[in-house]
Amino acid sequence: MAKRKPRVRKVNTKNWGQRGTSVPLAATIQIPSGRCPFIMEDSCRESVLQWIALVTHNKHENLTYNKSVYEYWVRHSFDMNSSKEDHKAVIRLIQEVVPEKTRRVSDLMFSAEGFLEG
């Protein structure tokens, strides 16, 4: 039986497995992985709007967040079972002020500049 030639010629493999420059691609996030970068202290309107503005301001510019990202990350601040009323109130406010797709802070349905200062 004759020996087959490999389909890929492996000339130089010393750089295999090394990370190069990471370039974020434009993507729409529906469910994020990992912890939320900011935690809400309470469920008052001002705190929730500030949290939404901070999360949106600190994401990468190539990413687009669906409304479900904010709704998903609320569970890191308020438990669905023990803080049910707070969780529901924050979800209602998110549904009111966050559009279906958010690419930048100006896409939000409220003036977020006041929450980002200071």
PDB file of N, CA and C in Angstrom:
ATOM      1  N   MET A   1       0.833  -1.165   0.000  1.00  0.00           N
ATOM      2  CA  MET A   1       0.000   0.000   0.000  1.00  0.00           C
ATOM      3  C   MET A   1       0.892   1.247   0.000  1.00  0.00           C
ATOM      4  N   ALA A   2       0.574   2.174  -0.872  1.00  0.00           N
ATOM      5  CA  ALA A   2       1.381   3.382  -1.023  1.00  0.00           C
ATOM      6  C   ALA A   2       1.027   4.406   0.056  1.00  0.00           C
ATOM      7  N   LYS A   3       2.030   5.139   0.489  1.00  0.00           N
ATOM      8  CA  LYS A   3       1.823   6.180   1.495  1.00  0.00           C
ATOM      9  C   LYS A   3       1.192   7.402   0.838  1.00  0.00           C
ATOM     10  N   ARG A   4       0.136   7.908   1.448  1.00  0.00           N
ATOM     11  CA  ARG A   4      -0.568   9.075   0.901  1.00  0.00           C
ATOM     12  C   ARG A   4       0.147  10.350   1.309  1.00  0.00           C
ATOM     13  N   LYS A   5       0.093  11.305   0.426  1.00  0.00           N
ATOM     14  CA  LYS A   5       0.661  12.614   0.737  1.00  0.00           C
ATOM     15  C   LYS A   5      -0.329  13.394   1.600  1.00  0.00           C
ATOM     16  N   PRO A   6       0.176  14.145   2.574  1.00  0.00           N
ATOM     17  CA  PRO A   6      -0.746  14.947   3.386  1.00  0.00           C
ATOM     18  C   PRO A   6      -1.392  16.049   2.548  1.00  0.00           C
ATOM     19  N   ARG A   7      -2.622  16.376   2.899  1.00  0.00           N
ATOM     20  CA  ARG A   7      -3.355  17.410   2.155  1.00  0.00           C
ATOM     21  C   ARG A   7      -2.857  18.813   2.481  1.00  0.00           C
ATOM     22  N   VAL A   8      -2.366  19.000   3.674  1.00  0.00           N
ATOM     23  CA  VAL A   8      -1.854  20.299   4.092  1.00  0.00           C
ATOM     24  C   VAL A   8      -0.379  20.129   4.405  1.00  0.00           C
ATOM     25  N   ARG A   9       0.410  20.925   3.790  1.00  0.00           N
ATOM     26  CA  ARG A   9       1.841  20.854   4.034  1.00  0.00           C
ATOM     27  C   ARG A   9       2.181  21.742   5.220  1.00  0.00           C
ATOM     28  N   LYS A  10       2.725  21.142   6.237  1.00  0.00           N
ATOM     29  CA  LYS A  10       3.046  21.859   7.470  1.00  0.00           C
ATOM     30  C   LYS A  10       4.517  22.249   7.439  1.00  0.00           C
ATOM     31  N   VAL A  11       4.770  23.405   6.889  1.00  0.00           N
ATOM     32  CA  VAL A  11       6.146  23.855   6.753  1.00  0.00           C
ATOM     33  C   VAL A  11       6.643  24.464   8.057  1.00  0.00           C
ATOM     34  N   ASN A  12       5.898  25.443   8.567  1.00  0.00           N
ATOM     35  CA  ASN A  12       6.340  26.175   9.743  1.00  0.00           C
ATOM     36  C   ASN A  12       5.172  26.253  10.721  1.00  0.00           C
ATOM     37  N   THR A  13       5.268  25.559  11.823  1.00  0.00           N
ATOM     38  CA  THR A  13       4.176  25.534  12.793  1.00  0.00           C
ATOM     39  C   THR A  13       4.524  26.231  14.103  1.00  0.00           C
ATOM     40  N   LYS A  14       5.617  26.981  14.139  1.00  0.00           N
ATOM     41  CA  LYS A  14       6.034  27.578  15.412  1.00  0.00           C
ATOM     42  C   LYS A  14       5.070  28.662  15.900  1.00  0.00           C
ATOM     43  N   ASN A  15       4.299  29.304  15.020  1.00  0.00           N
ATOM     44  CA  ASN A  15       3.356  30.348  15.433  1.00  0.00           C
ATOM     45  C   ASN A  15       1.942  29.819  15.655  1.00  0.00           C
ATOM     46  N   TRP A  16       1.724  28.556  15.455  1.00  0.00           N
ATOM     47  CA  TRP A  16       0.392  28.007  15.654  1.00  0.00           C
ATOM     48  C   TRP A  16       0.030  28.070  17.132  1.00  0.00           C
ATOM     49  N   GLY A  17      -1.154  28.495  17.427  1.00  0.00           N
ATOM     50  CA  GLY A  17      -1.617  28.575  18.804  1.00  0.00           C
ATOM     51  C   GLY A  17      -1.316  29.887  19.485  1.00  0.00           C
ATOM     52  N   GLN A  18      -0.569  30.764  18.864  1.00  0.00           N
ATOM     53  CA  GLN A  18      -0.309  32.068  19.454  1.00  0.00           C
ATOM     54  C   GLN A  18      -1.411  33.029  19.050  1.00  0.00           C
ATOM     55  N   ARG A  19      -1.758  33.889  19.961  1.00  0.00           N
ATOM     56  CA  ARG A  19      -2.800  34.871  19.685  1.00  0.00           C
ATOM     57  C   ARG A  19      -2.196  36.065  18.978  1.00  0.00           C
ATOM     58  N   GLY A  20      -2.873  36.490  17.949  1.00  0.00           N
ATOM     59  CA  GLY A  20      -2.471  37.703  17.255  1.00  0.00           C
ATOM     60  C   GLY A  20      -3.271  38.871  17.779  1.00  0.00           C
ATOM     61  N   THR A  21      -3.363  39.889  16.985  1.00  0.00           N
ATOM     62  CA  THR A  21      -4.143  41.057  17.354  1.00  0.00           C
ATOM     63  C   THR A  21      -5.620  40.710  17.266  1.00  0.00           C
ATOM     64  N   SER A  22      -6.349  40.968  18.315  1.00  0.00           N
ATOM     65  CA  SER A  22      -7.770  40.681  18.362  1.00  0.00           C
ATOM     66  C   SER A  22      -8.542  41.851  17.763  1.00  0.00           C
ATOM     67  N   VAL A  23      -9.333  41.564  16.744  1.00  0.00           N
ATOM     68  CA  VAL A  23     -10.138  42.593  16.092  1.00  0.00           C
ATOM     69  C   VAL A  23     -11.607  42.243  16.296  1.00  0.00           C
ATOM     70  N   PRO A  24     -12.341  43.037  17.076  1.00  0.00           N
ATOM     71  CA  PRO A  24     -13.757  42.746  17.278  1.00  0.00           C
ATOM     72  C   PRO A  24     -14.543  42.933  15.978  1.00  0.00           C
ATOM     73  N   LEU A  25     -15.346  41.950  15.664  1.00  0.00           N
ATOM     74  CA  LEU A  25     -16.197  42.023  14.486  1.00  0.00           C
ATOM     75  C   LEU A  25     -17.535  42.625  14.874  1.00  0.00           C
ATOM     76  N   ALA A  26     -18.197  43.227  13.915  1.00  0.00           N
ATOM     77  CA  ALA A  26     -19.526  43.760  14.171  1.00  0.00           C
ATOM     78  C   ALA A  26     -20.469  42.588  14.430  1.00  0.00           C
ATOM     79  N   ALA A  27     -21.182  42.651  15.544  1.00  0.00           N
ATOM     80  CA  ALA A  27     -22.071  41.558  15.918  1.00  0.00           C
ATOM     81  C   ALA A  27     -23.244  42.108  16.705  1.00  0.00           C
ATOM     82  N   THR A  28     -24.338  41.368  16.681  1.00  0.00           N
ATOM     83  CA  THR A  28     -25.504  41.688  17.487  1.00  0.00           C
ATOM     84  C   THR A  28     -25.589  40.657  18.600  1.00  0.00           C
ATOM     85  N   ILE A  29     -25.552  41.120  19.835  1.00  0.00           N
ATOM     86  CA  ILE A  29     -25.573  40.249  20.998  1.00  0.00           C
ATOM     87  C   ILE A  29     -27.016  40.109  21.474  1.00  0.00           C
ATOM     88  N   GLN A  30     -27.445  38.849  21.652  1.00  0.00           N
ATOM     89  CA  GLN A  30     -28.782  38.607  22.183  1.00  0.00           C
ATOM     90  C   GLN A  30     -28.739  38.202  23.646  1.00  0.00           C
ATOM     91  N   ILE A  31     -27.839  37.279  23.977  1.00  0.00           N
ATOM     92  CA  ILE A  31     -27.635  36.853  25.355  1.00  0.00           C
ATOM     93  C   ILE A  31     -26.143  36.951  25.639  1.00  0.00           C
ATOM     94  N   PRO A  32     -25.721  37.809  26.568  1.00  0.00           N
ATOM     95  CA  PRO A  32     -24.298  37.973  26.831  1.00  0.00           C
ATOM     96  C   PRO A  32     -23.746  36.825  27.661  1.00  0.00           C
ATOM     97  N   SER A  33     -22.447  36.640  27.572  1.00  0.00           N
ATOM     98  CA  SER A  33     -21.794  35.657  28.438  1.00  0.00           C
ATOM     99  C   SER A  33     -21.053  36.408  29.527  1.00  0.00           C
ATOM    100  N   GLY A  34     -20.987  35.823  30.692  1.00  0.00           N
ATOM    101  CA  GLY A  34     -20.259  36.447  31.777  1.00  0.00           C
ATOM    102  C   GLY A  34     -21.117  37.359  32.625  1.00  0.00           C
ATOM    103  N   ARG A  35     -20.469  37.956  33.597  1.00  0.00           N
ATOM    104  CA  ARG A  35     -21.148  38.838  34.537  1.00  0.00           C
ATOM    105  C   ARG A  35     -21.367  40.222  33.933  1.00  0.00           C
ATOM    106  N   CYS A  36     -22.359  40.895  34.454  1.00  0.00           N
ATOM    107  CA  CYS A  36     -22.629  42.264  34.036  1.00  0.00           C
ATOM    108  C   CYS A  36     -21.517  43.165  34.576  1.00  0.00           C
ATOM    109  N   PRO A  37     -21.041  44.113  33.773  1.00  0.00           N
ATOM    110  CA  PRO A  37     -19.954  44.973  34.247  1.00  0.00           C
ATOM    111  C   PRO A  37     -20.379  45.954  35.338  1.00  0.00           C
ATOM    112  N   PHE A  38     -21.665  46.199  35.496  1.00  0.00           N
ATOM    113  CA  PHE A  38     -22.159  47.136  36.503  1.00  0.00           C
ATOM    114  C   PHE A  38     -23.319  46.493  37.260  1.00  0.00           C
ATOM    115  N   ILE A  39     -23.404  46.778  38.551  1.00  0.00           N
ATOM    116  CA  ILE A  39     -24.464  46.244  39.399  1.00  0.00           C
ATOM    117  C   ILE A  39     -25.305  47.408  39.903  1.00  0.00           C
ATOM    118  N   MET A  40     -26.641  47.245  39.827  1.00  0.00           N
ATOM    119  CA  MET A  40     -27.556  48.265  40.329  1.00  0.00           C
ATOM    120  C   MET A  40     -27.703  48.125  41.836  1.00  0.00           C
ATOM    121  N   GLU A  41     -27.738  49.244  42.523  1.00  0.00           N
ATOM    122  CA  GLU A  41     -27.902  49.231  43.977  1.00  0.00           C
ATOM    123  C   GLU A  41     -29.377  49.142  44.363  1.00  0.00           C
ATOM    124  N   ASP A  42     -30.233  49.854  43.645  1.00  0.00           N
ATOM    125  CA  ASP A  42     -31.664  49.805  43.940  1.00  0.00           C
ATOM    126  C   ASP A  42     -32.441  49.903  42.630  1.00  0.00           C
ATOM    127  N   SER A  43     -33.761  49.776  42.730  1.00  0.00           N
ATOM    128  CA  SER A  43     -34.589  49.724  41.531  1.00  0.00           C
ATOM    129  C   SER A  43     -35.299  51.043  41.232  1.00  0.00           C
ATOM    130  N   CYS A  44     -34.815  52.160  41.789  1.00  0.00           N
ATOM    131  CA  CYS A  44     -35.440  53.442  41.472  1.00  0.00           C
ATOM    132  C   CYS A  44     -35.126  53.817  40.019  1.00  0.00           C
ATOM    133  N   ARG A  45     -35.947  54.655  39.454  1.00  0.00           N
ATOM    134  CA  ARG A  45     -35.840  55.005  38.034  1.00  0.00           C
ATOM    135  C   ARG A  45     -34.466  55.585  37.680  1.00  0.00           C
ATOM    136  N   GLU A  46     -33.945  56.474  38.524  1.00  0.00           N
ATOM    137  CA  GLU A  46     -32.655  57.109  38.247  1.00  0.00           C
ATOM    138  C   GLU A  46     -31.522  56.080  38.216  1.00  0.00           C
ATOM    139  N   SER A  47     -31.530  55.141  39.145  1.00  0.00           N
ATOM    140  CA  SER A  47     -30.481  54.113  39.179  1.00  0.00           C
ATOM    141  C   SER A  47     -30.533  53.217  37.956  1.00  0.00           C
ATOM    142  N   VAL A  48     -31.734  52.852  37.542  1.00  0.00           N
ATOM    143  CA  VAL A  48     -31.888  51.973  36.379  1.00  0.00           C
ATOM    144  C   VAL A  48     -31.442  52.691  35.110  1.00  0.00           C
ATOM    145  N   LEU A  49     -31.836  53.954  34.951  1.00  0.00           N
ATOM    146  CA  LEU A  49     -31.433  54.711  33.760  1.00  0.00           C
ATOM    147  C   LEU A  49     -29.916  54.913  33.732  1.00  0.00           C
ATOM    148  N   GLN A  50     -29.310  55.165  34.886  1.00  0.00           N
ATOM    149  CA  GLN A  50     -27.860  55.309  34.947  1.00  0.00           C
ATOM    150  C   GLN A  50     -27.183  53.985  34.581  1.00  0.00           C
ATOM    151  N   TRP A  51     -27.706  52.873  35.074  1.00  0.00           N
ATOM    152  CA  TRP A  51     -27.157  51.552  34.758  1.00  0.00           C
ATOM    153  C   TRP A  51     -27.231  51.265  33.260  1.00  0.00           C
ATOM    154  N   ILE A  52     -28.373  51.557  32.642  1.00  0.00           N
ATOM    155  CA  ILE A  52     -28.543  51.346  31.193  1.00  0.00           C
ATOM    156  C   ILE A  52     -27.540  52.204  30.425  1.00  0.00           C
ATOM    157  N   ALA A  53     -27.398  53.461  30.827  1.00  0.00           N
ATOM    158  CA  ALA A  53     -26.467  54.367  30.144  1.00  0.00           C
ATOM    159  C   ALA A  53     -25.032  53.881  30.289  1.00  0.00           C
ATOM    160  N   LEU A  54     -24.637  53.430  31.473  1.00  0.00           N
ATOM    161  CA  LEU A  54     -23.268  52.954  31.692  1.00  0.00           C
ATOM    162  C   LEU A  54     -22.975  51.682  30.897  1.00  0.00           C
ATOM    163  N   VAL A  55     -23.907  50.748  30.905  1.00  0.00           N
ATOM    164  CA  VAL A  55     -23.718  49.498  30.149  1.00  0.00           C
ATOM    165  C   VAL A  55     -23.574  49.804  28.663  1.00  0.00           C
ATOM    166  N   THR A  56     -24.411  50.691  28.147  1.00  0.00           N
ATOM    167  CA  THR A  56     -24.368  51.026  26.726  1.00  0.00           C
ATOM    168  C   THR A  56     -23.105  51.808  26.385  1.00  0.00           C
ATOM    169  N   HIS A  57     -22.708  52.723  27.246  1.00  0.00           N
ATOM    170  CA  HIS A  57     -21.531  53.549  26.982  1.00  0.00           C
ATOM    171  C   HIS A  57     -20.234  52.739  26.990  1.00  0.00           C
ATOM    172  N   ASN A  58     -20.158  51.713  27.815  1.00  0.00           N
ATOM    173  CA  ASN A  58     -18.925  50.958  27.984  1.00  0.00           C
ATOM    174  C   ASN A  58     -18.819  49.713  27.105  1.00  0.00           C
ATOM    175  N   LYS A  59     -19.773  49.452  26.245  1.00  0.00           N
ATOM    176  CA  LYS A  59     -19.651  48.316  25.327  1.00  0.00           C
ATOM    177  C   LYS A  59     -18.771  48.717  24.154  1.00  0.00           C
ATOM    178  N   HIS A  60     -18.284  47.743  23.412  1.00  0.00           N
ATOM    179  CA  HIS A  60     -17.445  48.046  22.251  1.00  0.00           C
ATOM    180  C   HIS A  60     -18.312  48.644  21.150  1.00  0.00           C
ATOM    181  N   GLU A  61     -17.759  49.562  20.393  1.00  0.00           N
ATOM    182  CA  GLU A  61     -18.526  50.293  19.368  1.00  0.00           C
ATOM    183  C   GLU A  61     -19.026  49.404  18.235  1.00  0.00           C
ATOM    184  N   ASN A  62     -18.398  48.243  18.002  1.00  0.00           N
ATOM    185  CA  ASN A  62     -18.840  47.351  16.932  1.00  0.00           C
ATOM    186  C   ASN A  62     -19.988  46.449  17.343  1.00  0.00           C
ATOM    187  N   LEU A  63     -20.323  46.423  18.619  1.00  0.00           N
ATOM    188  CA  LEU A  63     -21.375  45.545  19.104  1.00  0.00           C
ATOM    189  C   LEU A  63     -22.718  46.261  19.117  1.00  0.00           C
ATOM    190  N   THR A  64     -23.755  45.509  18.799  1.00  0.00           N
ATOM    191  CA  THR A  64     -25.128  45.977  18.912  1.00  0.00           C
ATOM    192  C   THR A  64     -25.809  45.095  19.946  1.00  0.00           C
ATOM    193  N   TYR A  65     -26.450  45.717  20.935  1.00  0.00           N
ATOM    194  CA  TYR A  65     -27.141  44.957  21.979  1.00  0.00           C
ATOM    195  C   TYR A  65     -28.630  44.895  21.668  1.00  0.00           C
ATOM    196  N   ASN A  66     -29.186  43.701  21.771  1.00  0.00           N
ATOM    197  CA  ASN A  66     -30.636  43.563  21.753  1.00  0.00           C
ATOM    198  C   ASN A  66     -31.172  43.936  23.133  1.00  0.00           C
ATOM    199  N   LYS A  67     -32.451  44.185  23.203  1.00  0.00           N
ATOM    200  CA  LYS A  67     -33.079  44.520  24.481  1.00  0.00           C
ATOM    201  C   LYS A  67     -32.907  43.386  25.485  1.00  0.00           C
ATOM    202  N   SER A  68     -32.826  42.159  24.985  1.00  0.00           N
ATOM    203  CA  SER A  68     -32.698  40.995  25.867  1.00  0.00           C
ATOM    204  C   SER A  68     -31.398  40.996  26.657  1.00  0.00           C
ATOM    205  N   VAL A  69     -30.353  41.698  26.193  1.00  0.00           N
ATOM    206  CA  VAL A  69     -29.089  41.784  26.931  1.00  0.00           C
ATOM    207  C   VAL A  69     -29.319  42.481  28.265  1.00  0.00           C
ATOM    208  N   TYR A  70     -30.014  43.593  28.240  1.00  0.00           N
ATOM    209  CA  TYR A  70     -30.289  44.343  29.470  1.00  0.00           C
ATOM    210  C   TYR A  70     -31.191  43.527  30.398  1.00  0.00           C
ATOM    211  N   GLU A  71     -32.210  42.890  29.822  1.00  0.00           N
ATOM    212  CA  GLU A  71     -33.120  42.082  30.633  1.00  0.00           C
ATOM    213  C   GLU A  71     -32.389  40.897  31.265  1.00  0.00           C
ATOM    214  N   TYR A  72     -31.443  40.328  30.547  1.00  0.00           N
ATOM    215  CA  TYR A  72     -30.670  39.211  31.073  1.00  0.00           C
ATOM    216  C   TYR A  72     -29.771  39.663  32.208  1.00  0.00           C
ATOM    217  N   TRP A  73     -29.101  40.802  32.055  1.00  0.00           N
ATOM    218  CA  TRP A  73     -28.155  41.266  33.066  1.00  0.00           C
ATOM    219  C   TRP A  73     -28.832  41.814  34.318  1.00  0.00           C
ATOM    220  N   VAL A  74     -30.121  42.087  34.273  1.00  0.00           N
ATOM    221  CA  VAL A  74     -30.830  42.545  35.478  1.00  0.00           C
ATOM    222  C   VAL A  74     -30.774  41.466  36.555  1.00  0.00           C
ATOM    223  N   ARG A  75     -30.733  40.207  36.135  1.00  0.00           N
ATOM    224  CA  ARG A  75     -30.748  39.117  37.110  1.00  0.00           C
ATOM    225  C   ARG A  75     -29.484  39.091  37.980  1.00  0.00           C
ATOM    226  N   HIS A  76     -28.414  39.790  37.566  1.00  0.00           N
ATOM    227  CA  HIS A  76     -27.215  39.875  38.389  1.00  0.00           C
ATOM    228  C   HIS A  76     -27.385  40.895  39.512  1.00  0.00           C
ATOM    229  N   SER A  77     -28.331  41.809  39.357  1.00  0.00           N
ATOM    230  CA  SER A  77     -28.582  42.807  40.393  1.00  0.00           C
ATOM    231  C   SER A  77     -29.754  42.429  41.284  1.00  0.00           C
ATOM    232  N   PHE A  78     -30.803  41.865  40.687  1.00  0.00           N
ATOM    233  CA  PHE A  78     -32.017  41.507  41.432  1.00  0.00           C
ATOM    234  C   PHE A  78     -32.413  40.085  41.074  1.00  0.00           C
ATOM    235  N   ASP A  79     -32.509  39.252  42.093  1.00  0.00           N
ATOM    236  CA  ASP A  79     -32.893  37.866  41.884  1.00  0.00           C
ATOM    237  C   ASP A  79     -34.362  37.789  41.471  1.00  0.00           C
ATOM    238  N   MET A  80     -34.648  36.906  40.517  1.00  0.00           N
ATOM    239  CA  MET A  80     -36.016  36.762  40.021  1.00  0.00           C
ATOM    240  C   MET A  80     -36.953  36.197  41.083  1.00  0.00           C
ATOM    241  N   ASN A  81     -36.419  35.463  42.038  1.00  0.00           N
ATOM    242  CA  ASN A  81     -37.260  34.810  43.036  1.00  0.00           C
ATOM    243  C   ASN A  81     -37.370  35.606  44.331  1.00  0.00           C
ATOM    244  N   SER A  82     -36.247  36.039  44.888  1.00  0.00           N
ATOM    245  CA  SER A  82     -36.311  36.729  46.175  1.00  0.00           C
ATOM    246  C   SER A  82     -36.658  38.212  46.032  1.00  0.00           C
ATOM    247  N   SER A  83     -36.258  38.854  44.941  1.00  0.00           N
ATOM    248  CA  SER A  83     -36.560  40.276  44.711  1.00  0.00           C
ATOM    249  C   SER A  83     -37.487  40.423  43.507  1.00  0.00           C
ATOM    250  N   LYS A  84     -38.578  39.708  43.551  1.00  0.00           N
ATOM    251  CA  LYS A  84     -39.466  39.623  42.382  1.00  0.00           C
ATOM    252  C   LYS A  84     -40.034  40.980  41.975  1.00  0.00           C
ATOM    253  N   GLU A  85     -40.460  41.799  42.935  1.00  0.00           N
ATOM    254  CA  GLU A  85     -41.065  43.096  42.590  1.00  0.00           C
ATOM    255  C   GLU A  85     -40.030  44.038  41.979  1.00  0.00           C
ATOM    256  N   ASP A  86     -38.830  44.078  42.559  1.00  0.00           N
ATOM    257  CA  ASP A  86     -37.771  44.927  42.005  1.00  0.00           C
ATOM    258  C   ASP A  86     -37.399  44.470  40.596  1.00  0.00           C
ATOM    259  N   HIS A  87     -37.277  43.183  40.417  1.00  0.00           N
ATOM    260  CA  HIS A  87     -36.908  42.629  39.111  1.00  0.00           C
ATOM    261  C   HIS A  87     -37.961  42.996  38.064  1.00  0.00           C
ATOM    262  N   LYS A  88     -39.230  42.822  38.394  1.00  0.00           N
ATOM    263  CA  LYS A  88     -40.299  43.151  37.444  1.00  0.00           C
ATOM    264  C   LYS A  88     -40.341  44.637  37.125  1.00  0.00           C
ATOM    265  N   ALA A  89     -40.115  45.490  38.126  1.00  0.00           N
ATOM    266  CA  ALA A  89     -40.136  46.938  37.904  1.00  0.00           C
ATOM    267  C   ALA A  89     -39.000  47.357  36.969  1.00  0.00           C
ATOM    268  N   VAL A  90     -37.826  46.779  37.147  1.00  0.00           N
ATOM    269  CA  VAL A  90     -36.691  47.118  36.285  1.00  0.00           C
ATOM    270  C   VAL A  90     -36.940  46.626  34.865  1.00  0.00           C
ATOM    271  N   ILE A  91     -37.498  45.437  34.712  1.00  0.00           N
ATOM    272  CA  ILE A  91     -37.801  44.898  33.374  1.00  0.00           C
ATOM    273  C   ILE A  91     -38.812  45.788  32.664  1.00  0.00           C
ATOM    274  N   ARG A  92     -39.835  46.259  33.381  1.00  0.00           N
ATOM    275  CA  ARG A  92     -40.829  47.161  32.764  1.00  0.00           C
ATOM    276  C   ARG A  92     -40.177  48.454  32.293  1.00  0.00           C
ATOM    277  N   LEU A  93     -39.278  48.993  33.085  1.00  0.00           N
ATOM    278  CA  LEU A  93     -38.591  50.233  32.713  1.00  0.00           C
ATOM    279  C   LEU A  93     -37.677  50.002  31.510  1.00  0.00           C
ATOM    280  N   ILE A  94     -36.998  48.876  31.471  1.00  0.00           N
ATOM    281  CA  ILE A  94     -36.151  48.545  30.317  1.00  0.00           C
ATOM    282  C   ILE A  94     -36.986  48.449  29.055  1.00  0.00           C
ATOM    283  N   GLN A  95     -38.136  47.804  29.143  1.00  0.00           N
ATOM    284  CA  GLN A  95     -39.003  47.673  27.970  1.00  0.00           C
ATOM    285  C   GLN A  95     -39.517  49.027  27.509  1.00  0.00           C
ATOM    286  N   GLU A  96     -39.589  49.978  28.425  1.00  0.00           N
ATOM    287  CA  GLU A  96     -40.078  51.314  28.100  1.00  0.00           C
ATOM    288  C   GLU A  96     -39.012  52.188  27.439  1.00  0.00           C
ATOM    289  N   VAL A  97     -37.752  52.109  27.881  1.00  0.00           N
ATOM    290  CA  VAL A  97     -36.749  53.083  27.441  1.00  0.00           C
ATOM    291  C   VAL A  97     -35.652  52.515  26.534  1.00  0.00           C
ATOM    292  N   VAL A  98     -35.600  51.220  26.340  1.00  0.00           N
ATOM    293  CA  VAL A  98     -34.554  50.631  25.508  1.00  0.00           C
ATOM    294  C   VAL A  98     -35.178  50.153  24.200  1.00  0.00           C
ATOM    295  N   PRO A  99     -34.632  50.553  23.040  1.00  0.00           N
ATOM    296  CA  PRO A  99     -35.164  50.062  21.765  1.00  0.00           C
ATOM    297  C   PRO A  99     -34.770  48.602  21.542  1.00  0.00           C
ATOM    298  N   GLU A 100     -35.314  47.985  20.518  1.00  0.00           N
ATOM    299  CA  GLU A 100     -35.013  46.575  20.234  1.00  0.00           C
ATOM    300  C   GLU A 100     -33.529  46.353  19.990  1.00  0.00           C
ATOM    301  N   LYS A 101     -32.875  47.259  19.283  1.00  0.00           N
ATOM    302  CA  LYS A 101     -31.441  47.157  19.021  1.00  0.00           C
ATOM    303  C   LYS A 101     -30.776  48.471  19.415  1.00  0.00           C
ATOM    304  N   THR A 102     -29.694  48.374  20.184  1.00  0.00           N
ATOM    305  CA  THR A 102     -28.975  49.548  20.654  1.00  0.00           C
ATOM    306  C   THR A 102     -27.528  49.450  20.221  1.00  0.00           C
ATOM    307  N   ARG A 103     -27.089  50.398  19.427  1.00  0.00           N
ATOM    308  CA  ARG A 103     -25.697  50.413  18.979  1.00  0.00           C
ATOM    309  C   ARG A 103     -24.872  51.467  19.719  1.00  0.00           C
ATOM    310  N   ARG A 104     -25.498  52.597  20.047  1.00  0.00           N
ATOM    311  CA  ARG A 104     -24.780  53.661  20.753  1.00  0.00           C
ATOM    312  C   ARG A 104     -25.728  54.308  21.759  1.00  0.00           C
ATOM    313  N   VAL A 105     -25.181  55.145  22.614  1.00  0.00           N
ATOM    314  CA  VAL A 105     -25.967  55.767  23.682  1.00  0.00           C
ATOM    315  C   VAL A 105     -27.092  56.624  23.113  1.00  0.00           C
ATOM    316  N   SER A 106     -26.868  57.235  21.968  1.00  0.00           N
ATOM    317  CA  SER A 106     -27.901  58.094  21.375  1.00  0.00           C
ATOM    318  C   SER A 106     -29.113  57.304  20.890  1.00  0.00           C
ATOM    319  N   ASP A 107     -29.004  55.988  20.780  1.00  0.00           N
ATOM    320  CA  ASP A 107     -30.151  55.169  20.373  1.00  0.00           C
ATOM    321  C   ASP A 107     -31.165  54.986  21.500  1.00  0.00           C
ATOM    322  N   LEU A 108     -30.749  55.193  22.734  1.00  0.00           N
ATOM    323  CA  LEU A 108     -31.651  55.014  23.874  1.00  0.00           C
ATOM    324  C   LEU A 108     -32.772  56.044  23.818  1.00  0.00           C
ATOM    325  N   MET A 109     -33.917  55.686  24.379  1.00  0.00           N
ATOM    326  CA  MET A 109     -35.090  56.552  24.311  1.00  0.00           C
ATOM    327  C   MET A 109     -35.178  57.493  25.509  1.00  0.00           C
ATOM    328  N   PHE A 110     -34.024  57.925  26.001  1.00  0.00           N
ATOM    329  CA  PHE A 110     -33.946  58.953  27.042  1.00  0.00           C
ATOM    330  C   PHE A 110     -32.596  59.641  26.885  1.00  0.00           C
ATOM    331  N   SER A 111     -32.471  60.808  27.480  1.00  0.00           N
ATOM    332  CA  SER A 111     -31.224  61.560  27.398  1.00  0.00           C
ATOM    333  C   SER A 111     -30.241  60.989  28.429  1.00  0.00           C
ATOM    334  N   ALA A 112     -29.239  60.261  27.919  1.00  0.00           N
ATOM    335  CA  ALA A 112     -28.306  59.549  28.804  1.00  0.00           C
ATOM    336  C   ALA A 112     -27.083  60.380  29.177  1.00  0.00           C
ATOM    337  N   GLU A 113     -26.885  61.524  28.578  1.00  0.00           N
ATOM    338  CA  GLU A 113     -25.686  62.314  28.834  1.00  0.00           C
ATOM    339  C   GLU A 113     -25.585  62.739  30.293  1.00  0.00           C
ATOM    340  N   GLY A 114     -26.708  63.058  30.919  1.00  0.00           N
ATOM    341  CA  GLY A 114     -26.709  63.476  32.316  1.00  0.00           C
ATOM    342  C   GLY A 114     -26.291  62.370  33.264  1.00  0.00           C
ATOM    343  N   PHE A 115     -26.505  61.121  32.866  1.00  0.00           N
ATOM    344  CA  PHE A 115     -26.162  59.984  33.726  1.00  0.00           C
ATOM    345  C   PHE A 115     -24.691  59.578  33.562  1.00  0.00           C
ATOM    346  N   LEU A 116     -24.048  60.014  32.485  1.00  0.00           N
ATOM    347  CA  LEU A 116     -22.663  59.617  32.241  1.00  0.00           C
ATOM    348  C   LEU A 116     -21.662  60.616  32.805  1.00  0.00           C
ATOM    349  N   GLU A 117     -22.102  61.810  33.143  1.00  0.00           N
ATOM    350  CA  GLU A 117     -21.201  62.827  33.695  1.00  0.00           C
ATOM    351  C   GLU A 117     -20.932  62.544  35.165  1.00  0.00           C
ATOM    352  N   GLY A 118     -19.739  62.911  35.585  1.00  0.00           N
ATOM    353  CA  GLY A 118     -19.415  62.826  36.996  1.00  0.00           C
ATOM    354  C   GLY A 118     -19.145  61.477  37.419  1.00  0.00           C
TER     355      GLY A 118
END
